Amino acid sequence: MTRAYRPGPRNLLTDVEGLKVGGAEDRRVKTGVSVVTADAPFTAGVAVMGGAPGTRDVELLAPDKTVQGVDALVLSGGSAFGLDAASGVMAGLKAAGRGFLAAGVRVPITPTAIIFDLANGGDKDWAESPYPALGRAALAAAGADFAIGTAGAGVGATIAGMKGGLGSTSLVLPSGATVGALVAVNALGGAVVPGGRRFWAAPYEIGAEFGGLGLAGAAPETAALFETKAGAPAAGLNTTIAVVATDAALDKAGATRMAWAAHDGVGRALVPAHTPYDGDLVFAASTGARPLTGDPLETLAIGHAAAICLARAIARAVYEATPAPGDGVPCWREGG
């Protein structure tokens, strides 16, 4: 009999041993930053499937590149402005003595990805970019517990017809390995089946983590329907960015393969996904705390679990979003 997967004790990315997550928000600007870090460098990979990504230092994650570990992974709002969040994260890490040693100088490695949240009703007329300070504050807040919904990098996110947000989930595999996901959902498409309130990710829900509404039960032709933000102020200015992680000991090639597999979760939870107008990107991280068992199917199972976690995390992000003054769209909880 196959043993069922189950969530970890927090149902958060931080169920992966050794990882910490911190968030910081500027609610007047309607933007924020989320940081994934650990007490020691960890292995990471990346996979980009959207047509409009915004990134910093992701090339370092290719398996053939020299750097073998990263100090943090950064998810930020702000479009290209948000890439400056990495500067604040680097400053905090440098002050802690962290970083890749180059010519006697420690250089923290902080690959970064951004979402476009510049048209969400917040005050974007800043004299000085808020993102370096938000990055440093998010790093300082990193711990085992963190807020989801309208929080961190998801505080200003939107999807078709409603607010997006920050979501997270985890799974413990029969092998004992743990897999988790963290995602900022700001997609062109939708997370909810048109004409109702049920999530596209419903087949993967555990308990009532995003409402327990079950499957849509729609006619077969409904599967071809979808909703987008086309025509809305932020149409064409989107992106879903995520981190999936495991304590299983993956090398950079294994982490990269995990990131690619996790994109299946984006396709299961957002319709349409991976469009020319989204910058869909998934980082993958491995702390290496648990040796691989030697089962040739283990890495397949890890990738499959990453996709399930990411689909669930996307739905949780939307389900947990809360209203705020100046919002241009409602939350799912408001019947949006």
C-alpha atoms as a PDB file:
ATOM      1  CA  MET A   1       0.000   0.000   0.000  1.00  0.00           C
ATOM      2  CA  THR A   2       1.355   3.450  -0.941  1.00  0.00           C
ATOM      3  CA  ARG A   3       1.880   5.748   2.023  1.00  0.00           C
ATOM      4  CA  ALA A   4       0.152   9.104   1.631  1.00  0.00           C
ATOM      5  CA  TYR A   5       2.079  12.349   1.591  1.00  0.00           C
ATOM      6  CA  ARG A   6       1.217  14.696   4.449  1.00  0.00           C
ATOM      7  CA  PRO A   7       1.989  18.336   5.229  1.00  0.00           C
ATOM      8  CA  GLY A   8       4.766  19.211   7.640  1.00  0.00           C
ATOM      9  CA  PRO A   9       3.907  20.659  11.072  1.00  0.00           C
ATOM     10  CA  ARG A  10       3.637  24.279   9.845  1.00  0.00           C
ATOM     11  CA  ASN A  11       2.487  23.589   6.268  1.00  0.00           C
ATOM     12  CA  LEU A  12       5.095  26.175   5.251  1.00  0.00           C
ATOM     13  CA  LEU A  13       8.354  26.179   3.308  1.00  0.00           C
ATOM     14  CA  THR A  14      10.182  26.321   6.642  1.00  0.00           C
ATOM     15  CA  ASP A  15       9.195  22.726   7.366  1.00  0.00           C
ATOM     16  CA  VAL A  16      12.328  22.061   5.282  1.00  0.00           C
ATOM     17  CA  GLU A  17      14.985  21.758   7.978  1.00  0.00           C
ATOM     18  CA  GLY A  18      17.387  24.706   8.074  1.00  0.00           C
ATOM     19  CA  LEU A  19      15.425  27.209   6.000  1.00  0.00           C
ATOM     20  CA  LYS A  20      14.095  30.541   7.272  1.00  0.00           C
ATOM     21  CA  VAL A  21      11.714  32.989   5.590  1.00  0.00           C
ATOM     22  CA  GLY A  22      11.279  36.676   6.318  1.00  0.00           C
ATOM     23  CA  GLY A  23       8.974  39.310   4.882  1.00  0.00           C
ATOM     24  CA  ALA A  24       8.697  43.088   4.904  1.00  0.00           C
ATOM     25  CA  GLU A  25       5.991  45.351   3.491  1.00  0.00           C
ATOM     26  CA  ASP A  26       5.343  48.977   2.651  1.00  0.00           C
ATOM     27  CA  ARG A  27       1.552  49.060   2.703  1.00  0.00           C
ATOM     28  CA  ARG A  28       1.352  52.666   1.522  1.00  0.00           C
ATOM     29  CA  VAL A  29       3.246  51.705  -1.632  1.00  0.00           C
ATOM     30  CA  LYS A  30       1.463  48.302  -1.707  1.00  0.00           C
ATOM     31  CA  THR A  31       4.643  46.329  -2.216  1.00  0.00           C
ATOM     32  CA  GLY A  32       6.951  44.041  -0.296  1.00  0.00           C
ATOM     33  CA  VAL A  33       9.830  41.591  -0.217  1.00  0.00           C
ATOM     34  CA  SER A  34      10.240  37.971   0.895  1.00  0.00           C
ATOM     35  CA  VAL A  35      13.607  36.359   1.613  1.00  0.00           C
ATOM     36  CA  VAL A  36      14.515  32.679   1.926  1.00  0.00           C
ATOM     37  CA  THR A  37      17.780  32.100   3.787  1.00  0.00           C
ATOM     38  CA  ALA A  38      19.608  29.687   6.075  1.00  0.00           C
ATOM     39  CA  ASP A  39      22.471  29.724   8.565  1.00  0.00           C
ATOM     40  CA  ALA A  40      24.819  28.327   5.912  1.00  0.00           C
ATOM     41  CA  PRO A  41      24.933  28.492   2.097  1.00  0.00           C
ATOM     42  CA  PHE A  42      22.566  26.106   0.336  1.00  0.00           C
ATOM     43  CA  THR A  43      22.318  24.605  -3.125  1.00  0.00           C
ATOM     44  CA  ALA A  44      19.937  26.257  -5.586  1.00  0.00           C
ATOM     45  CA  GLY A  45      18.700  26.025  -9.163  1.00  0.00           C
ATOM     46  CA  VAL A  46      16.213  27.925 -11.296  1.00  0.00           C
ATOM     47  CA  ALA A  47      13.773  27.432 -14.154  1.00  0.00           C
ATOM     48  CA  VAL A  48      12.126  30.277 -16.100  1.00  0.00           C
ATOM     49  CA  MET A  49       9.043  29.542 -18.227  1.00  0.00           C
ATOM     50  CA  GLY A  50       7.313  32.918 -18.504  1.00  0.00           C
ATOM     51  CA  GLY A  51       7.897  35.310 -21.371  1.00  0.00           C
ATOM     52  CA  ALA A  52       8.604  38.432 -19.277  1.00  0.00           C
ATOM     53  CA  PRO A  53      10.929  37.656 -16.335  1.00  0.00           C
ATOM     54  CA  GLY A  54      12.843  40.146 -14.200  1.00  0.00           C
ATOM     55  CA  THR A  55      15.893  38.761 -12.403  1.00  0.00           C
ATOM     56  CA  ARG A  56      19.295  39.399 -10.843  1.00  0.00           C
ATOM     57  CA  ASP A  57      22.185  36.886 -10.623  1.00  0.00           C
ATOM     58  CA  VAL A  58      20.114  33.876 -11.659  1.00  0.00           C
ATOM     59  CA  GLU A  59      22.822  32.867 -14.168  1.00  0.00           C
ATOM     60  CA  LEU A  60      24.971  31.819 -11.183  1.00  0.00           C
ATOM     61  CA  LEU A  61      22.546  28.970 -10.527  1.00  0.00           C
ATOM     62  CA  ALA A  62      23.325  27.087 -13.740  1.00  0.00           C
ATOM     63  CA  PRO A  63      24.974  23.731 -12.937  1.00  0.00           C
ATOM     64  CA  ASP A  64      28.141  24.673 -14.838  1.00  0.00           C
ATOM     65  CA  LYS A  65      28.755  27.921 -12.929  1.00  0.00           C
ATOM     66  CA  THR A  66      31.425  28.202 -10.216  1.00  0.00           C
ATOM     67  CA  VAL A  67      29.317  29.238  -7.214  1.00  0.00           C
ATOM     68  CA  GLN A  68      27.956  26.123  -5.529  1.00  0.00           C
ATOM     69  CA  GLY A  69      25.836  27.694  -2.773  1.00  0.00           C
ATOM     70  CA  VAL A  70      23.685  30.770  -2.239  1.00  0.00           C
ATOM     71  CA  ASP A  71      23.121  32.808   0.913  1.00  0.00           C
ATOM     72  CA  ALA A  72      19.549  33.845   0.148  1.00  0.00           C
ATOM     73  CA  LEU A  73      16.848  33.819  -2.508  1.00  0.00           C
ATOM     74  CA  VAL A  74      14.859  37.040  -2.861  1.00  0.00           C
ATOM     75  CA  LEU A  75      11.298  37.547  -4.136  1.00  0.00           C
ATOM     76  CA  SER A  76      10.283  41.188  -4.533  1.00  0.00           C
ATOM     77  CA  GLY A  77       7.573  43.463  -5.806  1.00  0.00           C
ATOM     78  CA  GLY A  78       8.427  46.616  -7.718  1.00  0.00           C
ATOM     79  CA  SER A  79       9.311  45.334 -11.169  1.00  0.00           C
ATOM     80  CA  ALA A  80      12.895  46.333 -12.030  1.00  0.00           C
ATOM     81  CA  PHE A  81      12.976  48.694  -9.031  1.00  0.00           C
ATOM     82  CA  GLY A  82      12.481  45.657  -6.815  1.00  0.00           C
ATOM     83  CA  LEU A  83      15.779  44.143  -7.915  1.00  0.00           C
ATOM     84  CA  ASP A  84      17.341  46.649  -5.505  1.00  0.00           C
ATOM     85  CA  ALA A  85      15.950  44.549  -2.648  1.00  0.00           C
ATOM     86  CA  ALA A  86      18.961  42.295  -3.174  1.00  0.00           C
ATOM     87  CA  SER A  87      21.240  45.176  -2.166  1.00  0.00           C
ATOM     88  CA  GLY A  88      19.594  45.380   1.247  1.00  0.00           C
ATOM     89  CA  VAL A  89      19.731  41.617   1.688  1.00  0.00           C
ATOM     90  CA  MET A  90      23.415  41.626   0.712  1.00  0.00           C
ATOM     91  CA  ALA A  91      24.150  44.393   3.224  1.00  0.00           C
ATOM     92  CA  GLY A  92      22.566  42.429   6.032  1.00  0.00           C
ATOM     93  CA  LEU A  93      24.379  39.240   5.073  1.00  0.00           C
ATOM     94  CA  LYS A  94      27.721  41.035   4.732  1.00  0.00           C
ATOM     95  CA  ALA A  95      27.292  42.498   8.202  1.00  0.00           C
ATOM     96  CA  ALA A  96      26.841  38.923   9.450  1.00  0.00           C
ATOM     97  CA  GLY A  97      30.060  37.799   7.752  1.00  0.00           C
ATOM     98  CA  ARG A  98      28.303  35.828   5.040  1.00  0.00           C
ATOM     99  CA  GLY A  99      29.225  35.486   1.381  1.00  0.00           C
ATOM    100  CA  PHE A 100      31.378  33.879  -1.286  1.00  0.00           C
ATOM    101  CA  LEU A 101      35.059  34.593  -0.629  1.00  0.00           C
ATOM    102  CA  ALA A 102      36.585  36.471  -3.582  1.00  0.00           C
ATOM    103  CA  ALA A 103      40.002  38.132  -3.288  1.00  0.00           C
ATOM    104  CA  GLY A 104      39.609  38.282   0.466  1.00  0.00           C
ATOM    105  CA  VAL A 105      36.164  39.912   0.329  1.00  0.00           C
ATOM    106  CA  ARG A 106      32.883  38.221   1.243  1.00  0.00           C
ATOM    107  CA  VAL A 107      30.267  38.671  -1.499  1.00  0.00           C
ATOM    108  CA  PRO A 108      26.803  37.394  -0.475  1.00  0.00           C
ATOM    109  CA  ILE A 109      25.065  35.469  -3.264  1.00  0.00           C
ATOM    110  CA  THR A 110      21.400  36.532  -3.466  1.00  0.00           C
ATOM    111  CA  PRO A 111      19.610  35.583  -6.720  1.00  0.00           C
ATOM    112  CA  THR A 112      16.473  37.706  -7.045  1.00  0.00           C
ATOM    113  CA  ALA A 113      13.216  37.683  -9.018  1.00  0.00           C
ATOM    114  CA  ILE A 114      10.489  40.324  -9.165  1.00  0.00           C
ATOM    115  CA  ILE A 115       6.790  40.752  -9.843  1.00  0.00           C
ATOM    116  CA  PHE A 116       5.167  43.825 -11.416  1.00  0.00           C
ATOM    117  CA  ASP A 117       2.969  45.527  -8.802  1.00  0.00           C
ATOM    118  CA  LEU A 118       3.355  49.135  -9.962  1.00  0.00           C
ATOM    119  CA  ALA A 119      -0.272  49.531 -11.085  1.00  0.00           C
ATOM    120  CA  ASN A 120      -2.076  48.258  -7.991  1.00  0.00           C
ATOM    121  CA  GLY A 121      -3.219  51.572  -6.490  1.00  0.00           C
ATOM    122  CA  GLY A 122      -0.321  52.154  -4.115  1.00  0.00           C
ATOM    123  CA  ASP A 123       1.708  55.356  -3.922  1.00  0.00           C
ATOM    124  CA  LYS A 124       4.654  54.800  -6.260  1.00  0.00           C
ATOM    125  CA  ASP A 125       5.874  58.420  -6.265  1.00  0.00           C
ATOM    126  CA  TRP A 126       8.813  57.747  -3.960  1.00  0.00           C
ATOM    127  CA  ALA A 127      11.859  60.010  -3.761  1.00  0.00           C
ATOM    128  CA  GLU A 128      14.093  57.087  -2.795  1.00  0.00           C
ATOM    129  CA  SER A 129      13.525  53.439  -3.659  1.00  0.00           C
ATOM    130  CA  PRO A 130      12.052  51.530  -0.709  1.00  0.00           C
ATOM    131  CA  TYR A 131      13.438  48.200  -1.830  1.00  0.00           C
ATOM    132  CA  PRO A 132      16.941  48.125  -0.264  1.00  0.00           C
ATOM    133  CA  ALA A 133      15.416  48.836   3.150  1.00  0.00           C
ATOM    134  CA  LEU A 134      12.632  46.309   2.576  1.00  0.00           C
ATOM    135  CA  GLY A 135      15.185  43.660   1.598  1.00  0.00           C
ATOM    136  CA  ARG A 136      17.267  44.235   4.716  1.00  0.00           C
ATOM    137  CA  ALA A 137      14.150  44.230   6.924  1.00  0.00           C
ATOM    138  CA  ALA A 138      12.892  40.984   5.361  1.00  0.00           C
ATOM    139  CA  LEU A 139      16.245  39.307   6.020  1.00  0.00           C
ATOM    140  CA  ALA A 140      16.232  40.530   9.627  1.00  0.00           C
ATOM    141  CA  ALA A 141      12.729  39.080  10.097  1.00  0.00           C
ATOM    142  CA  ALA A 142      13.650  35.623   8.773  1.00  0.00           C
ATOM    143  CA  GLY A 143      12.518  32.753  10.947  1.00  0.00           C
ATOM    144  CA  ALA A 144      10.485  29.564  11.005  1.00  0.00           C
ATOM    145  CA  ASP A 145       7.078  31.287  11.088  1.00  0.00           C
ATOM    146  CA  PHE A 146       5.915  33.957   8.661  1.00  0.00           C
ATOM    147  CA  ALA A 147       2.706  35.476   7.349  1.00  0.00           C
ATOM    148  CA  ILE A 148       1.050  34.486   4.078  1.00  0.00           C
ATOM    149  CA  GLY A 149      -1.729  36.113   2.055  1.00  0.00           C
ATOM    150  CA  THR A 150      -1.351  39.891   1.801  1.00  0.00           C
ATOM    151  CA  ALA A 151       2.220  39.816   3.050  1.00  0.00           C
ATOM    152  CA  GLY A 152       5.836  39.982   1.901  1.00  0.00           C
ATOM    153  CA  ALA A 153       6.379  39.928  -1.841  1.00  0.00           C
ATOM    154  CA  GLY A 154       2.671  39.214  -2.352  1.00  0.00           C
ATOM    155  CA  VAL A 155       1.298  42.278  -0.556  1.00  0.00           C
ATOM    156  CA  GLY A 156       0.517  44.106  -3.813  1.00  0.00           C
ATOM    157  CA  ALA A 157      -0.133  41.133  -6.085  1.00  0.00           C
ATOM    158  CA  THR A 158      -3.237  40.652  -8.230  1.00  0.00           C
ATOM    159  CA  ILE A 159      -4.655  37.969 -10.524  1.00  0.00           C
ATOM    160  CA  ALA A 160      -7.675  37.861 -12.821  1.00  0.00           C
ATOM    161  CA  GLY A 161     -10.542  39.530 -10.970  1.00  0.00           C
ATOM    162  CA  MET A 162      -9.072  39.516  -7.472  1.00  0.00           C
ATOM    163  CA  LYS A 163      -6.031  39.961  -5.271  1.00  0.00           C
ATOM    164  CA  GLY A 164      -3.136  37.541  -5.390  1.00  0.00           C
ATOM    165  CA  GLY A 165      -0.724  37.145  -2.513  1.00  0.00           C
ATOM    166  CA  LEU A 166       1.973  35.086  -0.840  1.00  0.00           C
ATOM    167  CA  GLY A 167       1.378  31.374  -0.319  1.00  0.00           C
ATOM    168  CA  SER A 168       3.259  28.469   1.197  1.00  0.00           C
ATOM    169  CA  THR A 169       2.784  24.731   1.792  1.00  0.00           C
ATOM    170  CA  SER A 170       4.813  21.612   2.531  1.00  0.00           C
ATOM    171  CA  LEU A 171       4.758  17.824   2.191  1.00  0.00           C
ATOM    172  CA  VAL A 172       6.606  15.032   3.958  1.00  0.00           C
ATOM    173  CA  LEU A 173       7.341  12.202   1.526  1.00  0.00           C
ATOM    174  CA  PRO A 174       7.195   8.483   2.373  1.00  0.00           C
ATOM    175  CA  SER A 175      11.012   8.498   2.191  1.00  0.00           C
ATOM    176  CA  GLY A 176      11.083  10.991   5.061  1.00  0.00           C
ATOM    177  CA  ALA A 177      12.267  13.881   2.903  1.00  0.00           C
ATOM    178  CA  THR A 178      10.390  17.174   3.186  1.00  0.00           C
ATOM    179  CA  VAL A 179       9.434  19.426   0.276  1.00  0.00           C
ATOM    180  CA  GLY A 180       7.985  22.929   0.548  1.00  0.00           C
ATOM    181  CA  ALA A 181       6.927  25.866  -1.615  1.00  0.00           C
ATOM    182  CA  LEU A 182       6.749  29.640  -1.266  1.00  0.00           C
ATOM    183  CA  VAL A 183       5.109  31.718  -4.001  1.00  0.00           C
ATOM    184  CA  ALA A 184       4.177  35.304  -4.837  1.00  0.00           C
ATOM    185  CA  VAL A 185       1.135  35.081  -7.118  1.00  0.00           C
ATOM    186  CA  ASN A 186       0.656  38.012  -9.504  1.00  0.00           C
ATOM    187  CA  ALA A 187      -0.543  36.237 -12.630  1.00  0.00           C
ATOM    188  CA  LEU A 188      -2.238  37.405 -15.808  1.00  0.00           C
ATOM    189  CA  GLY A 189      -4.553  34.410 -15.465  1.00  0.00           C
ATOM    190  CA  GLY A 190      -6.820  33.209 -12.696  1.00  0.00           C
ATOM    191  CA  ALA A 191      -6.668  30.735  -9.806  1.00  0.00           C
ATOM    192  CA  VAL A 192     -10.428  30.168  -9.710  1.00  0.00           C
ATOM    193  CA  VAL A 193     -12.580  28.249 -12.180  1.00  0.00           C
ATOM    194  CA  PRO A 194     -14.708  30.776 -14.136  1.00  0.00           C
ATOM    195  CA  GLY A 195     -18.239  31.169 -12.876  1.00  0.00           C
ATOM    196  CA  GLY A 196     -17.569  30.034  -9.313  1.00  0.00           C
ATOM    197  CA  ARG A 197     -15.243  30.168  -6.317  1.00  0.00           C
ATOM    198  CA  ARG A 198     -13.526  26.793  -6.562  1.00  0.00           C
ATOM    199  CA  PHE A 199      -9.803  26.726  -7.207  1.00  0.00           C
ATOM    200  CA  TRP A 200      -8.151  25.112 -10.199  1.00  0.00           C
ATOM    201  CA  ALA A 201      -5.799  23.497  -7.649  1.00  0.00           C
ATOM    202  CA  ALA A 202      -8.690  21.773  -5.839  1.00  0.00           C
ATOM    203  CA  PRO A 203      -7.568  18.201  -6.700  1.00  0.00           C
ATOM    204  CA  TYR A 204      -4.411  18.766  -4.646  1.00  0.00           C
ATOM    205  CA  GLU A 205      -5.935  20.431  -1.567  1.00  0.00           C
ATOM    206  CA  ILE A 206      -5.192  18.819   1.792  1.00  0.00           C
ATOM    207  CA  GLY A 207      -7.912  19.325   4.375  1.00  0.00           C
ATOM    208  CA  ALA A 208      -9.458  22.774   3.980  1.00  0.00           C
ATOM    209  CA  GLU A 209      -6.232  24.728   3.484  1.00  0.00           C
ATOM    210  CA  PHE A 210      -7.902  26.898   0.854  1.00  0.00           C
ATOM    211  CA  GLY A 211     -11.555  26.571   1.743  1.00  0.00           C
ATOM    212  CA  GLY A 212     -12.311  22.894   1.231  1.00  0.00           C
ATOM    213  CA  LEU A 213     -14.802  23.600  -1.551  1.00  0.00           C
ATOM    214  CA  GLY A 214     -13.788  20.588  -3.597  1.00  0.00           C
ATOM    215  CA  LEU A 215     -13.878  20.200  -7.363  1.00  0.00           C
ATOM    216  CA  ALA A 216     -15.848  22.459  -9.663  1.00  0.00           C
ATOM    217  CA  GLY A 217     -17.848  19.643 -11.231  1.00  0.00           C
ATOM    218  CA  ALA A 218     -18.121  21.618 -14.470  1.00  0.00           C
ATOM    219  CA  ALA A 219     -19.089  20.297 -17.867  1.00  0.00           C
ATOM    220  CA  PRO A 220     -16.133  19.152 -19.999  1.00  0.00           C
ATOM    221  CA  GLU A 221     -16.328  22.219 -22.256  1.00  0.00           C
ATOM    222  CA  THR A 222     -15.755  24.480 -19.246  1.00  0.00           C
ATOM    223  CA  ALA A 223     -12.181  23.221 -19.041  1.00  0.00           C
ATOM    224  CA  ALA A 224     -11.365  25.393 -22.066  1.00  0.00           C
ATOM    225  CA  LEU A 225     -12.545  28.586 -20.344  1.00  0.00           C
ATOM    226  CA  PHE A 226     -10.229  31.006 -18.612  1.00  0.00           C
ATOM    227  CA  GLU A 227     -10.144  34.534 -17.225  1.00  0.00           C
ATOM    228  CA  THR A 228      -7.325  37.091 -17.392  1.00  0.00           C
ATOM    229  CA  LYS A 229      -6.519  40.640 -16.330  1.00  0.00           C
ATOM    230  CA  ALA A 230      -6.673  41.768 -19.970  1.00  0.00           C
ATOM    231  CA  GLY A 231      -8.200  45.243 -20.022  1.00  0.00           C
ATOM    232  CA  ALA A 232      -7.337  45.917 -16.377  1.00  0.00           C
ATOM    233  CA  PRO A 233      -4.790  48.632 -15.475  1.00  0.00           C
ATOM    234  CA  ALA A 234      -2.076  46.022 -14.851  1.00  0.00           C
ATOM    235  CA  ALA A 235      -2.838  43.857 -17.894  1.00  0.00           C
ATOM    236  CA  GLY A 236       0.322  42.441 -19.397  1.00  0.00           C
ATOM    237  CA  LEU A 237       2.293  43.302 -16.253  1.00  0.00           C
ATOM    238  CA  ASN A 238       2.374  40.129 -14.246  1.00  0.00           C
ATOM    239  CA  THR A 239       4.486  37.219 -12.972  1.00  0.00           C
ATOM    240  CA  THR A 240       4.354  34.343 -10.514  1.00  0.00           C
ATOM    241  CA  ILE A 241       7.671  33.714  -8.740  1.00  0.00           C
ATOM    242  CA  ALA A 242       8.358  30.901  -6.330  1.00  0.00           C
ATOM    243  CA  VAL A 243      10.852  28.938  -4.280  1.00  0.00           C
ATOM    244  CA  VAL A 244      10.501  25.178  -3.880  1.00  0.00           C
ATOM    245  CA  ALA A 245      12.830  23.475  -1.444  1.00  0.00           C
ATOM    246  CA  THR A 246      13.789  20.133   0.042  1.00  0.00           C
ATOM    247  CA  ASP A 247      16.059  18.779   2.736  1.00  0.00           C
ATOM    248  CA  ALA A 248      17.092  15.967   0.385  1.00  0.00           C
ATOM    249  CA  ALA A 249      20.709  16.309  -0.754  1.00  0.00           C
ATOM    250  CA  LEU A 250      20.400  17.544  -4.347  1.00  0.00           C
ATOM    251  CA  ASP A 251      23.275  18.996  -6.358  1.00  0.00           C
ATOM    252  CA  LYS A 252      22.781  22.014  -8.626  1.00  0.00           C
ATOM    253  CA  ALA A 253      21.633  19.823 -11.515  1.00  0.00           C
ATOM    254  CA  GLY A 254      19.122  18.067  -9.264  1.00  0.00           C
ATOM    255  CA  ALA A 255      17.838  21.377  -7.913  1.00  0.00           C
ATOM    256  CA  THR A 256      17.452  22.676 -11.457  1.00  0.00           C
ATOM    257  CA  ARG A 257      15.438  19.595 -12.428  1.00  0.00           C
ATOM    258  CA  MET A 258      13.267  20.087  -9.318  1.00  0.00           C
ATOM    259  CA  ALA A 259      12.582  23.687 -10.379  1.00  0.00           C
ATOM    260  CA  TRP A 260      11.471  22.574 -13.840  1.00  0.00           C
ATOM    261  CA  ALA A 261       9.198  19.884 -12.389  1.00  0.00           C
ATOM    262  CA  ALA A 262       7.641  22.392  -9.998  1.00  0.00           C
ATOM    263  CA  HIS A 263       6.384  24.496 -12.914  1.00  0.00           C
ATOM    264  CA  ASP A 264       3.719  21.794 -13.405  1.00  0.00           C
ATOM    265  CA  GLY A 265       2.176  23.213 -10.226  1.00  0.00           C
ATOM    266  CA  VAL A 266       1.890  26.646 -11.826  1.00  0.00           C
ATOM    267  CA  GLY A 267       0.042  25.099 -14.768  1.00  0.00           C
ATOM    268  CA  ARG A 268      -2.293  23.187 -12.469  1.00  0.00           C
ATOM    269  CA  ALA A 269      -3.216  26.187 -10.306  1.00  0.00           C
ATOM    270  CA  LEU A 270      -3.241  29.154 -12.738  1.00  0.00           C
ATOM    271  CA  VAL A 271      -5.111  29.242 -16.045  1.00  0.00           C
ATOM    272  CA  PRO A 272      -3.631  30.321 -18.386  1.00  0.00           C
ATOM    273  CA  ALA A 273      -0.062  29.971 -17.144  1.00  0.00           C
ATOM    274  CA  HIS A 274       3.402  30.642 -18.599  1.00  0.00           C
ATOM    275  CA  THR A 275       2.036  33.279 -20.965  1.00  0.00           C
ATOM    276  CA  PRO A 276       4.134  35.775 -22.965  1.00  0.00           C
ATOM    277  CA  TYR A 277       3.020  38.404 -20.429  1.00  0.00           C
ATOM    278  CA  ASP A 278       4.082  36.526 -17.265  1.00  0.00           C
ATOM    279  CA  GLY A 279       7.630  36.144 -15.998  1.00  0.00           C
ATOM    280  CA  ASP A 280       6.943  32.812 -14.310  1.00  0.00           C
ATOM    281  CA  LEU A 281      10.076  31.652 -12.474  1.00  0.00           C
ATOM    282  CA  VAL A 282      10.788  28.951  -9.909  1.00  0.00           C
ATOM    283  CA  PHE A 283      13.889  28.777  -7.734  1.00  0.00           C
ATOM    284  CA  ALA A 284      14.701  25.413  -6.149  1.00  0.00           C
ATOM    285  CA  ALA A 285      16.733  24.984  -2.964  1.00  0.00           C
ATOM    286  CA  SER A 286      18.300  22.033  -1.201  1.00  0.00           C
ATOM    287  CA  THR A 287      19.689  22.197   2.335  1.00  0.00           C
ATOM    288  CA  GLY A 288      21.298  18.760   1.983  1.00  0.00           C
ATOM    289  CA  ALA A 289      20.265  17.769   5.511  1.00  0.00           C
ATOM    290  CA  ARG A 290      18.953  14.345   4.410  1.00  0.00           C
ATOM    291  CA  PRO A 291      21.044  12.025   2.187  1.00  0.00           C
ATOM    292  CA  LEU A 292      19.284  10.502  -0.793  1.00  0.00           C
ATOM    293  CA  THR A 293      18.153   6.926  -0.213  1.00  0.00           C
ATOM    294  CA  GLY A 294      19.520   5.592  -3.481  1.00  0.00           C
ATOM    295  CA  ASP A 295      16.039   4.796  -4.825  1.00  0.00           C
ATOM    296  CA  PRO A 296      16.157   5.774  -8.522  1.00  0.00           C
ATOM    297  CA  LEU A 297      12.617   7.148  -8.249  1.00  0.00           C
ATOM    298  CA  GLU A 298      13.346   9.410  -5.283  1.00  0.00           C
ATOM    299  CA  THR A 299      14.243  12.525  -7.263  1.00  0.00           C
ATOM    300  CA  LEU A 300      11.151  11.947  -9.424  1.00  0.00           C
ATOM    301  CA  ALA A 301       9.037  11.885  -6.257  1.00  0.00           C
ATOM    302  CA  ILE A 302      10.685  15.087  -4.999  1.00  0.00           C
ATOM    303  CA  GLY A 303       9.877  16.910  -8.247  1.00  0.00           C
ATOM    304  CA  HIS A 304       6.304  15.631  -8.180  1.00  0.00           C
ATOM    305  CA  ALA A 305       5.894  16.783  -4.577  1.00  0.00           C
ATOM    306  CA  ALA A 306       7.316  20.205  -5.482  1.00  0.00           C
ATOM    307  CA  ALA A 307       4.655  20.606  -8.185  1.00  0.00           C
ATOM    308  CA  ILE A 308       1.884  19.615  -5.763  1.00  0.00           C
ATOM    309  CA  CYS A 309       3.192  21.979  -3.079  1.00  0.00           C
ATOM    310  CA  LEU A 310       3.396  24.854  -5.542  1.00  0.00           C
ATOM    311  CA  ALA A 311      -0.156  24.314  -6.845  1.00  0.00           C
ATOM    312  CA  ARG A 312      -1.469  24.301  -3.268  1.00  0.00           C
ATOM    313  CA  ALA A 313       0.630  27.328  -2.303  1.00  0.00           C
ATOM    314  CA  ILE A 314      -0.796  29.343  -5.209  1.00  0.00           C
ATOM    315  CA  ALA A 315      -4.353  28.644  -4.091  1.00  0.00           C
ATOM    316  CA  ARG A 316      -3.447  29.419  -0.466  1.00  0.00           C
ATOM    317  CA  ALA A 317      -1.976  32.764  -1.508  1.00  0.00           C
ATOM    318  CA  VAL A 318      -5.267  33.827  -3.083  1.00  0.00           C
ATOM    319  CA  TYR A 319      -7.425  32.293  -0.343  1.00  0.00           C
ATOM    320  CA  GLU A 320      -5.502  34.073   2.449  1.00  0.00           C
ATOM    321  CA  ALA A 321      -5.432  37.535   0.801  1.00  0.00           C
ATOM    322  CA  THR A 322      -7.083  40.306   2.815  1.00  0.00           C
ATOM    323  CA  PRO A 323      -8.523  43.700   1.791  1.00  0.00           C
ATOM    324  CA  ALA A 324      -6.679  46.998   2.196  1.00  0.00           C
ATOM    325  CA  PRO A 325      -7.519  50.644   1.483  1.00  0.00           C
ATOM    326  CA  GLY A 326      -7.067  51.601  -2.152  1.00  0.00           C
ATOM    327  CA  ASP A 327      -7.376  48.090  -3.573  1.00  0.00           C
ATOM    328  CA  GLY A 328      -8.494  48.030  -7.183  1.00  0.00           C
ATOM    329  CA  VAL A 329      -9.864  44.475  -7.014  1.00  0.00           C
ATOM    330  CA  PRO A 330     -11.588  42.446  -4.264  1.00  0.00           C
ATOM    331  CA  CYS A 331     -10.209  39.475  -2.351  1.00  0.00           C
ATOM    332  CA  TRP A 332     -11.441  35.914  -2.781  1.00  0.00           C
ATOM    333  CA  ARG A 333     -12.801  36.152   0.768  1.00  0.00           C
ATOM    334  CA  GLU A 334     -14.980  39.091  -0.313  1.00  0.00           C
ATOM    335  CA  GLY A 335     -16.540  37.008  -3.062  1.00  0.00           C
ATOM    336  CA  GLY A 336     -14.165  38.324  -5.732  1.00  0.00           C
END
